[in-house]
Amino acid sequence: MTKDEIFAAMEKAYTGAGSTVEGSFAGDLLRACADGCAELQGLSLRNVGLTVYENGKRIYTDFGELLFTHFGVSGPLMLSASAHLRRWDKEQYRLSIDLKPALDQQKLDSRILRDIGENPNRDMANILSGLVHRSMVPVLLRRLALPEGEKANSLTKEQRRALVQELKHFTVSLTGPRPVAEAIVTAGGVKVGGVVPGTMASKLAEGLYFAGEILDVDAYTGGFNLQIAWATGYLAGLSAAEQRG
């Protein structure tokens, strides 16, 4: 190894640099999903709540924007949630989307009752289009087992409760991550315990510095990973230059 080398990586971390490396993997892969995601492709949901469940246990919750694609789910919420979805060989993951986070269940039920009362002879599809984006209407009708052309005034109390449940807990089962080539951020890498924090120098190999995503450091989406890369890269370069004198 030549004197004063700096290693920085995106994707799989380099394992031959004389330091301990944690398993490296994509930290923000977009997710493939079941439950009619392809039918909703192109739909961007803003100001929605997202809760992620691992084998039925809540592991992450947030509020923001979600995007349905041809393969599954993406968007800022999903990119951040991906940091918690790393055990696909052992765990099963499910999303619960709150489409109406500004309304609790009681207020949402009152809103639906009001809409039905004002338009009793309209199709439920038209009532739903006033609550969600039109591309979600066929999906909701199917999930609620409501036939096309169902009139608003025929909706039973049980069906209305089921509708409220769907709007507050629209579930999506995840089938797995996308290929690593599509990732933006890599998790895992060289353990930070083997790096001098004030210089980014390796504690195990003289003249070796680490920066960026080769380090076992990653963060939620929002520019934090770029900041990590810039800050550690600057410090590693400055330290190497000072070492050379």
C-alpha atoms as a PDB file:
ATOM      1  CA  MET A   1       0.000   0.000   0.000  1.00  0.00           C
ATOM      2  CA  THR A   2       1.385   3.397  -0.958  1.00  0.00           C
ATOM      3  CA  LYS A   3       1.685   6.212   1.520  1.00  0.00           C
ATOM      4  CA  ASP A   4      -1.368   8.319   2.376  1.00  0.00           C
ATOM      5  CA  GLU A   5      -4.235   6.591   0.629  1.00  0.00           C
ATOM      6  CA  ILE A   6      -7.879   7.602   1.009  1.00  0.00           C
ATOM      7  CA  PHE A   7     -10.677   5.114   0.482  1.00  0.00           C
ATOM      8  CA  ALA A   8     -14.230   6.282  -0.182  1.00  0.00           C
ATOM      9  CA  ALA A   9     -16.952   4.135  -1.692  1.00  0.00           C
ATOM     10  CA  MET A  10     -20.597   4.084  -2.766  1.00  0.00           C
ATOM     11  CA  GLU A  11     -22.124   0.530  -3.049  1.00  0.00           C
ATOM     12  CA  LYS A  12     -20.198  -2.424  -1.566  1.00  0.00           C
ATOM     13  CA  ALA A  13     -17.451  -1.409   0.861  1.00  0.00           C
ATOM     14  CA  TYR A  14     -13.865  -2.395   0.105  1.00  0.00           C
ATOM     15  CA  THR A  15     -12.834  -5.233   2.417  1.00  0.00           C
ATOM     16  CA  GLY A  16      -9.069  -5.322   1.875  1.00  0.00           C
ATOM     17  CA  ALA A  17      -8.135  -2.069   3.586  1.00  0.00           C
ATOM     18  CA  GLY A  18      -6.820  -3.420   6.859  1.00  0.00           C
ATOM     19  CA  SER A  19      -9.925  -2.581   8.940  1.00  0.00           C
ATOM     20  CA  THR A  20     -12.927  -4.475  10.226  1.00  0.00           C
ATOM     21  CA  VAL A  21     -15.865  -4.203   7.833  1.00  0.00           C
ATOM     22  CA  GLU A  22     -19.506  -4.675   8.791  1.00  0.00           C
ATOM     23  CA  GLY A  23     -21.706  -6.335   6.175  1.00  0.00           C
ATOM     24  CA  SER A  24     -22.278  -3.764   3.452  1.00  0.00           C
ATOM     25  CA  PHE A  25     -25.676  -3.444   1.802  1.00  0.00           C
ATOM     26  CA  ALA A  26     -27.933  -0.888   0.188  1.00  0.00           C
ATOM     27  CA  GLY A  27     -29.487   1.289   2.862  1.00  0.00           C
ATOM     28  CA  ASP A  28     -32.281   2.961   0.948  1.00  0.00           C
ATOM     29  CA  LEU A  29     -33.522   0.625  -1.756  1.00  0.00           C
ATOM     30  CA  LEU A  30     -36.965   1.298  -3.138  1.00  0.00           C
ATOM     31  CA  ARG A  31     -39.300  -1.521  -2.172  1.00  0.00           C
ATOM     32  CA  ALA A  32     -41.269  -4.011  -4.210  1.00  0.00           C
ATOM     33  CA  CYS A  33     -44.745  -4.701  -2.907  1.00  0.00           C
ATOM     34  CA  ALA A  34     -47.894  -6.704  -3.351  1.00  0.00           C
ATOM     35  CA  ASP A  35     -51.524  -5.576  -2.968  1.00  0.00           C
ATOM     36  CA  GLY A  36     -52.036  -3.767  -6.260  1.00  0.00           C
ATOM     37  CA  CYS A  37     -49.120  -1.352  -6.143  1.00  0.00           C
ATOM     38  CA  ALA A  38     -48.662  -1.524  -9.914  1.00  0.00           C
ATOM     39  CA  GLU A  39     -52.268  -0.365 -10.308  1.00  0.00           C
ATOM     40  CA  LEU A  40     -51.379   2.783  -8.361  1.00  0.00           C
ATOM     41  CA  GLN A  41     -48.129   3.552 -10.193  1.00  0.00           C
ATOM     42  CA  GLY A  42     -47.467   7.242 -10.610  1.00  0.00           C
ATOM     43  CA  LEU A  43     -49.607   8.167  -7.609  1.00  0.00           C
ATOM     44  CA  SER A  44     -47.893  10.553  -5.205  1.00  0.00           C
ATOM     45  CA  LEU A  45     -49.409  10.758  -1.737  1.00  0.00           C
ATOM     46  CA  ARG A  46     -48.548  13.903   0.173  1.00  0.00           C
ATOM     47  CA  ASN A  47     -49.054  14.538   3.870  1.00  0.00           C
ATOM     48  CA  VAL A  48     -49.764  10.932   4.758  1.00  0.00           C
ATOM     49  CA  GLY A  49     -48.721   8.917   7.774  1.00  0.00           C
ATOM     50  CA  LEU A  50     -46.612   5.793   7.388  1.00  0.00           C
ATOM     51  CA  THR A  51     -46.097   3.004   9.897  1.00  0.00           C
ATOM     52  CA  VAL A  52     -43.858   0.019   9.193  1.00  0.00           C
ATOM     53  CA  TYR A  53     -44.443  -3.334  10.889  1.00  0.00           C
ATOM     54  CA  GLU A  54     -41.922  -6.147  11.230  1.00  0.00           C
ATOM     55  CA  ASN A  55     -43.737  -9.414  11.895  1.00  0.00           C
ATOM     56  CA  GLY A  56     -46.622  -7.404  13.314  1.00  0.00           C
ATOM     57  CA  LYS A  57     -44.444  -5.193  15.544  1.00  0.00           C
ATOM     58  CA  ARG A  58     -44.299  -1.462  14.825  1.00  0.00           C
ATOM     59  CA  ILE A  59     -40.715  -0.451  14.082  1.00  0.00           C
ATOM     60  CA  TYR A  60     -41.015   2.913  12.309  1.00  0.00           C
ATOM     61  CA  THR A  61     -43.507   5.727  11.880  1.00  0.00           C
ATOM     62  CA  ASP A  62     -43.310   9.063  10.068  1.00  0.00           C
ATOM     63  CA  PHE A  63     -45.277  11.658   8.102  1.00  0.00           C
ATOM     64  CA  GLY A  64     -44.620  12.964   4.606  1.00  0.00           C
ATOM     65  CA  GLU A  65     -44.693  11.922   0.963  1.00  0.00           C
ATOM     66  CA  LEU A  66     -45.002   8.460  -0.552  1.00  0.00           C
ATOM     67  CA  LEU A  67     -44.846   7.430  -4.202  1.00  0.00           C
ATOM     68  CA  PHE A  68     -46.231   4.336  -5.920  1.00  0.00           C
ATOM     69  CA  THR A  69     -44.167   3.091  -8.870  1.00  0.00           C
ATOM     70  CA  HIS A  70     -44.513   0.272 -11.402  1.00  0.00           C
ATOM     71  CA  PHE A  71     -42.697  -2.073  -9.012  1.00  0.00           C
ATOM     72  CA  GLY A  72     -43.731  -0.885  -5.573  1.00  0.00           C
ATOM     73  CA  VAL A  73     -43.280   2.044  -3.218  1.00  0.00           C
ATOM     74  CA  SER A  74     -40.768   4.869  -3.113  1.00  0.00           C
ATOM     75  CA  GLY A  75     -40.580   8.521  -2.111  1.00  0.00           C
ATOM     76  CA  PRO A  76     -38.982  10.269   0.894  1.00  0.00           C
ATOM     77  CA  LEU A  77     -40.976   8.314   3.488  1.00  0.00           C
ATOM     78  CA  MET A  78     -39.984   4.969   2.013  1.00  0.00           C
ATOM     79  CA  LEU A  79     -36.340   5.892   1.576  1.00  0.00           C
ATOM     80  CA  SER A  80     -36.080   6.751   5.265  1.00  0.00           C
ATOM     81  CA  ALA A  81     -38.098   3.711   6.317  1.00  0.00           C
ATOM     82  CA  SER A  82     -35.730   1.502   4.320  1.00  0.00           C
ATOM     83  CA  ALA A  83     -33.081   2.017   7.005  1.00  0.00           C
ATOM     84  CA  HIS A  84     -35.195  -0.261   9.206  1.00  0.00           C
ATOM     85  CA  LEU A  85     -35.875  -2.975   6.612  1.00  0.00           C
ATOM     86  CA  ARG A  86     -32.703  -5.037   6.593  1.00  0.00           C
ATOM     87  CA  ARG A  87     -33.623  -8.580   7.620  1.00  0.00           C
ATOM     88  CA  TRP A  88     -35.441  -9.921   4.589  1.00  0.00           C
ATOM     89  CA  ASP A  89     -34.133 -13.430   5.185  1.00  0.00           C
ATOM     90  CA  LYS A  90     -35.833 -13.609   8.584  1.00  0.00           C
ATOM     91  CA  GLU A  91     -38.579 -11.012   8.797  1.00  0.00           C
ATOM     92  CA  GLN A  92     -41.775  -9.993   7.006  1.00  0.00           C
ATOM     93  CA  TYR A  93     -42.629  -6.330   6.540  1.00  0.00           C
ATOM     94  CA  ARG A  94     -45.928  -4.528   6.108  1.00  0.00           C
ATOM     95  CA  LEU A  95     -46.800  -0.875   5.587  1.00  0.00           C
ATOM     96  CA  SER A  96     -49.813   0.884   7.051  1.00  0.00           C
ATOM     97  CA  ILE A  97     -50.626   4.184   5.355  1.00  0.00           C
ATOM     98  CA  ASP A  98     -52.843   6.775   7.022  1.00  0.00           C
ATOM     99  CA  LEU A  99     -54.490   8.533   4.087  1.00  0.00           C
ATOM    100  CA  LYS A 100     -56.304  10.994   6.364  1.00  0.00           C
ATOM    101  CA  PRO A 101     -53.906  11.802   9.219  1.00  0.00           C
ATOM    102  CA  ALA A 102     -55.647  15.127   9.998  1.00  0.00           C
ATOM    103  CA  LEU A 103     -58.842  13.280  10.990  1.00  0.00           C
ATOM    104  CA  ASP A 104     -59.234  10.710  13.727  1.00  0.00           C
ATOM    105  CA  GLN A 105     -61.569   7.787  13.073  1.00  0.00           C
ATOM    106  CA  GLN A 106     -64.606   9.448  14.628  1.00  0.00           C
ATOM    107  CA  LYS A 107     -64.200  12.663  12.631  1.00  0.00           C
ATOM    108  CA  LEU A 108     -63.539  10.714   9.448  1.00  0.00           C
ATOM    109  CA  ASP A 109     -66.688   8.659  10.000  1.00  0.00           C
ATOM    110  CA  SER A 110     -68.660  11.890  10.467  1.00  0.00           C
ATOM    111  CA  ARG A 111     -67.199  13.263   7.250  1.00  0.00           C
ATOM    112  CA  ILE A 112     -68.266  10.147   5.325  1.00  0.00           C
ATOM    113  CA  LEU A 113     -71.765  10.285   6.850  1.00  0.00           C
ATOM    114  CA  ARG A 114     -72.053  13.913   5.811  1.00  0.00           C
ATOM    115  CA  ASP A 115     -70.948  13.170   2.240  1.00  0.00           C
ATOM    116  CA  ILE A 116     -73.443  10.313   1.985  1.00  0.00           C
ATOM    117  CA  GLY A 117     -76.220  12.426   3.496  1.00  0.00           C
ATOM    118  CA  GLU A 118     -75.613  15.175   0.950  1.00  0.00           C
ATOM    119  CA  ASN A 119     -75.421  12.752  -1.994  1.00  0.00           C
ATOM    120  CA  PRO A 120     -77.447   9.638  -1.082  1.00  0.00           C
ATOM    121  CA  ASN A 121     -78.145   8.599  -4.677  1.00  0.00           C
ATOM    122  CA  ARG A 122     -74.579   8.941  -5.957  1.00  0.00           C
ATOM    123  CA  ASP A 123     -72.359   5.945  -6.588  1.00  0.00           C
ATOM    124  CA  MET A 124     -69.899   5.132  -3.823  1.00  0.00           C
ATOM    125  CA  ALA A 125     -67.132   5.553  -6.406  1.00  0.00           C
ATOM    126  CA  ASN A 126     -68.035   9.240  -6.616  1.00  0.00           C
ATOM    127  CA  ILE A 127     -68.144   9.559  -2.834  1.00  0.00           C
ATOM    128  CA  LEU A 128     -64.702   7.969  -2.589  1.00  0.00           C
ATOM    129  CA  SER A 129     -63.261  10.262  -5.254  1.00  0.00           C
ATOM    130  CA  GLY A 130     -63.950  13.123  -2.859  1.00  0.00           C
ATOM    131  CA  LEU A 131     -61.833  11.399  -0.222  1.00  0.00           C
ATOM    132  CA  VAL A 132     -58.896   9.963  -2.165  1.00  0.00           C
ATOM    133  CA  HIS A 133     -57.218  10.289  -5.556  1.00  0.00           C
ATOM    134  CA  ARG A 134     -59.313   8.767  -8.323  1.00  0.00           C
ATOM    135  CA  SER A 135     -56.706   6.066  -9.031  1.00  0.00           C
ATOM    136  CA  MET A 136     -57.277   4.692  -5.530  1.00  0.00           C
ATOM    137  CA  VAL A 137     -61.040   4.378  -5.927  1.00  0.00           C
ATOM    138  CA  PRO A 138     -61.070   0.989  -7.764  1.00  0.00           C
ATOM    139  CA  VAL A 139     -58.580  -0.396  -5.233  1.00  0.00           C
ATOM    140  CA  LEU A 140     -60.711   0.689  -2.286  1.00  0.00           C
ATOM    141  CA  LEU A 141     -63.903  -0.657  -3.867  1.00  0.00           C
ATOM    142  CA  ARG A 142     -62.223  -4.019  -4.385  1.00  0.00           C
ATOM    143  CA  ARG A 143     -60.830  -4.141  -0.855  1.00  0.00           C
ATOM    144  CA  LEU A 144     -64.238  -3.273   0.577  1.00  0.00           C
ATOM    145  CA  ALA A 145     -65.966  -5.805  -1.695  1.00  0.00           C
ATOM    146  CA  LEU A 146     -68.290  -3.069  -2.983  1.00  0.00           C
ATOM    147  CA  PRO A 147     -69.679  -3.673  -6.476  1.00  0.00           C
ATOM    148  CA  GLU A 148     -69.304  -0.993  -9.120  1.00  0.00           C
ATOM    149  CA  GLY A 149     -72.386   1.202  -9.089  1.00  0.00           C
ATOM    150  CA  GLU A 150     -73.067   0.679  -5.381  1.00  0.00           C
ATOM    151  CA  LYS A 151     -75.202   3.581  -4.177  1.00  0.00           C
ATOM    152  CA  ALA A 152     -74.105   5.677  -1.221  1.00  0.00           C
ATOM    153  CA  ASN A 153     -77.388   5.251   0.642  1.00  0.00           C
ATOM    154  CA  SER A 154     -77.009   1.454   0.589  1.00  0.00           C
ATOM    155  CA  LEU A 155     -73.739   1.487   2.522  1.00  0.00           C
ATOM    156  CA  THR A 156     -74.167  -0.359   5.818  1.00  0.00           C
ATOM    157  CA  LYS A 157     -72.700   0.708   9.136  1.00  0.00           C
ATOM    158  CA  GLU A 158     -70.234  -2.190   9.001  1.00  0.00           C
ATOM    159  CA  GLN A 159     -69.158  -1.238   5.484  1.00  0.00           C
ATOM    160  CA  ARG A 160     -68.683   2.367   6.568  1.00  0.00           C
ATOM    161  CA  ARG A 161     -66.505   1.259   9.465  1.00  0.00           C
ATOM    162  CA  ALA A 162     -64.474  -0.876   7.082  1.00  0.00           C
ATOM    163  CA  LEU A 163     -64.023   2.161   4.841  1.00  0.00           C
ATOM    164  CA  VAL A 164     -62.764   4.243   7.754  1.00  0.00           C
ATOM    165  CA  GLN A 165     -60.335   1.436   8.606  1.00  0.00           C
ATOM    166  CA  GLU A 166     -59.005   1.340   5.049  1.00  0.00           C
ATOM    167  CA  LEU A 167     -58.527   5.105   4.909  1.00  0.00           C
ATOM    168  CA  LYS A 168     -56.684   5.162   8.233  1.00  0.00           C
ATOM    169  CA  HIS A 169     -54.786   1.884   7.747  1.00  0.00           C
ATOM    170  CA  PHE A 170     -54.246   1.256   4.028  1.00  0.00           C
ATOM    171  CA  THR A 171     -51.998  -1.789   4.202  1.00  0.00           C
ATOM    172  CA  VAL A 172     -49.290  -2.806   1.755  1.00  0.00           C
ATOM    173  CA  SER A 173     -47.286  -6.023   2.080  1.00  0.00           C
ATOM    174  CA  LEU A 174     -43.662  -5.716   0.993  1.00  0.00           C
ATOM    175  CA  THR A 175     -42.164  -8.560  -1.019  1.00  0.00           C
ATOM    176  CA  GLY A 176     -38.513  -7.500  -0.959  1.00  0.00           C
ATOM    177  CA  PRO A 177     -35.953  -4.848  -1.888  1.00  0.00           C
ATOM    178  CA  ARG A 178     -35.025  -3.740  -5.389  1.00  0.00           C
ATOM    179  CA  PRO A 179     -31.603  -4.653  -6.904  1.00  0.00           C
ATOM    180  CA  VAL A 180     -28.596  -3.075  -5.202  1.00  0.00           C
ATOM    181  CA  ALA A 181     -27.711  -1.267  -8.440  1.00  0.00           C
ATOM    182  CA  GLU A 182     -30.715   1.008  -7.867  1.00  0.00           C
ATOM    183  CA  ALA A 183     -29.602   2.081  -4.378  1.00  0.00           C
ATOM    184  CA  ILE A 184     -28.590   5.634  -3.552  1.00  0.00           C
ATOM    185  CA  VAL A 185     -27.034   5.027  -0.128  1.00  0.00           C
ATOM    186  CA  THR A 186     -24.927   2.144   1.200  1.00  0.00           C
ATOM    187  CA  ALA A 187     -25.186   0.986   4.801  1.00  0.00           C
ATOM    188  CA  GLY A 188     -22.476  -1.002   6.556  1.00  0.00           C
ATOM    189  CA  GLY A 189     -18.767  -0.680   5.873  1.00  0.00           C
ATOM    190  CA  VAL A 190     -15.630   0.026   7.895  1.00  0.00           C
ATOM    191  CA  LYS A 191     -16.365   0.175  11.622  1.00  0.00           C
ATOM    192  CA  VAL A 192     -16.002   3.715  12.936  1.00  0.00           C
ATOM    193  CA  GLY A 193     -14.293   2.324  16.025  1.00  0.00           C
ATOM    194  CA  GLY A 194     -11.286   1.575  13.838  1.00  0.00           C
ATOM    195  CA  VAL A 195     -11.031   5.170  12.586  1.00  0.00           C
ATOM    196  CA  VAL A 196      -9.593   8.240  14.336  1.00  0.00           C
ATOM    197  CA  PRO A 197     -12.563  10.683  14.337  1.00  0.00           C
ATOM    198  CA  GLY A 198     -10.435  13.833  14.258  1.00  0.00           C
ATOM    199  CA  THR A 199      -8.487  12.820  11.142  1.00  0.00           C
ATOM    200  CA  MET A 200     -10.373   9.898   9.545  1.00  0.00           C
ATOM    201  CA  ALA A 201      -7.119   7.907   9.728  1.00  0.00           C
ATOM    202  CA  SER A 202      -7.177   4.142  10.168  1.00  0.00           C
ATOM    203  CA  LYS A 203      -6.117   2.935  13.606  1.00  0.00           C
ATOM    204  CA  LEU A 204      -4.745  -0.232  12.027  1.00  0.00           C
ATOM    205  CA  ALA A 205      -2.817   0.934   8.961  1.00  0.00           C
ATOM    206  CA  GLU A 206      -0.572   4.003   8.884  1.00  0.00           C
ATOM    207  CA  GLY A 207      -1.201   6.435   6.048  1.00  0.00           C
ATOM    208  CA  LEU A 208      -4.686   5.099   5.344  1.00  0.00           C
ATOM    209  CA  TYR A 209      -7.784   7.321   5.588  1.00  0.00           C
ATOM    210  CA  PHE A 210     -11.457   6.566   5.129  1.00  0.00           C
ATOM    211  CA  ALA A 211     -14.293   8.800   3.932  1.00  0.00           C
ATOM    212  CA  GLY A 212     -17.843   8.643   2.660  1.00  0.00           C
ATOM    213  CA  GLU A 213     -19.891   5.496   2.407  1.00  0.00           C
ATOM    214  CA  ILE A 214     -17.028   3.093   2.906  1.00  0.00           C
ATOM    215  CA  LEU A 215     -17.624   3.953   6.589  1.00  0.00           C
ATOM    216  CA  ASP A 216     -20.332   2.198   8.580  1.00  0.00           C
ATOM    217  CA  VAL A 217     -22.350   5.421   8.802  1.00  0.00           C
ATOM    218  CA  ASP A 218     -25.639   6.242   7.104  1.00  0.00           C
ATOM    219  CA  ALA A 219     -28.616   8.504   7.734  1.00  0.00           C
ATOM    220  CA  TYR A 220     -32.175   9.209   6.634  1.00  0.00           C
ATOM    221  CA  THR A 221     -32.836  10.877   3.302  1.00  0.00           C
ATOM    222  CA  GLY A 222     -32.646  14.661   3.252  1.00  0.00           C
ATOM    223  CA  GLY A 223     -29.021  15.502   2.445  1.00  0.00           C
ATOM    224  CA  PHE A 224     -27.510  13.959   5.573  1.00  0.00           C
ATOM    225  CA  ASN A 225     -25.583  11.282   3.662  1.00  0.00           C
ATOM    226  CA  LEU A 226     -24.151  13.911   1.324  1.00  0.00           C
ATOM    227  CA  GLN A 227     -23.056  15.936   4.330  1.00  0.00           C
ATOM    228  CA  ILE A 228     -21.348  12.881   5.805  1.00  0.00           C
ATOM    229  CA  ALA A 229     -19.508  12.308   2.526  1.00  0.00           C
ATOM    230  CA  TRP A 230     -18.409  15.943   2.168  1.00  0.00           C
ATOM    231  CA  ALA A 231     -17.340  16.355   5.793  1.00  0.00           C
ATOM    232  CA  THR A 232     -15.381  13.108   6.075  1.00  0.00           C
ATOM    233  CA  GLY A 233     -13.865  13.556   2.614  1.00  0.00           C
ATOM    234  CA  TYR A 234     -12.687  17.067   3.446  1.00  0.00           C
ATOM    235  CA  LEU A 235     -11.253  15.953   6.790  1.00  0.00           C
ATOM    236  CA  ALA A 236      -9.521  12.909   5.301  1.00  0.00           C
ATOM    237  CA  GLY A 237      -7.962  15.000   2.529  1.00  0.00           C
ATOM    238  CA  LEU A 238      -6.843  17.724   4.928  1.00  0.00           C
ATOM    239  CA  SER A 239      -5.382  15.185   7.347  1.00  0.00           C
ATOM    240  CA  ALA A 240      -3.490  13.356   4.610  1.00  0.00           C
ATOM    241  CA  ALA A 241      -2.060  16.648   3.313  1.00  0.00           C
ATOM    242  CA  GLU A 242      -0.947  17.671   6.804  1.00  0.00           C
ATOM    243  CA  GLN A 243       0.664  14.254   7.327  1.00  0.00           C
ATOM    244  CA  ARG A 244       2.710  14.706   4.163  1.00  0.00           C
ATOM    245  CA  GLY A 245       3.795  18.085   5.510  1.00  0.00           C
END
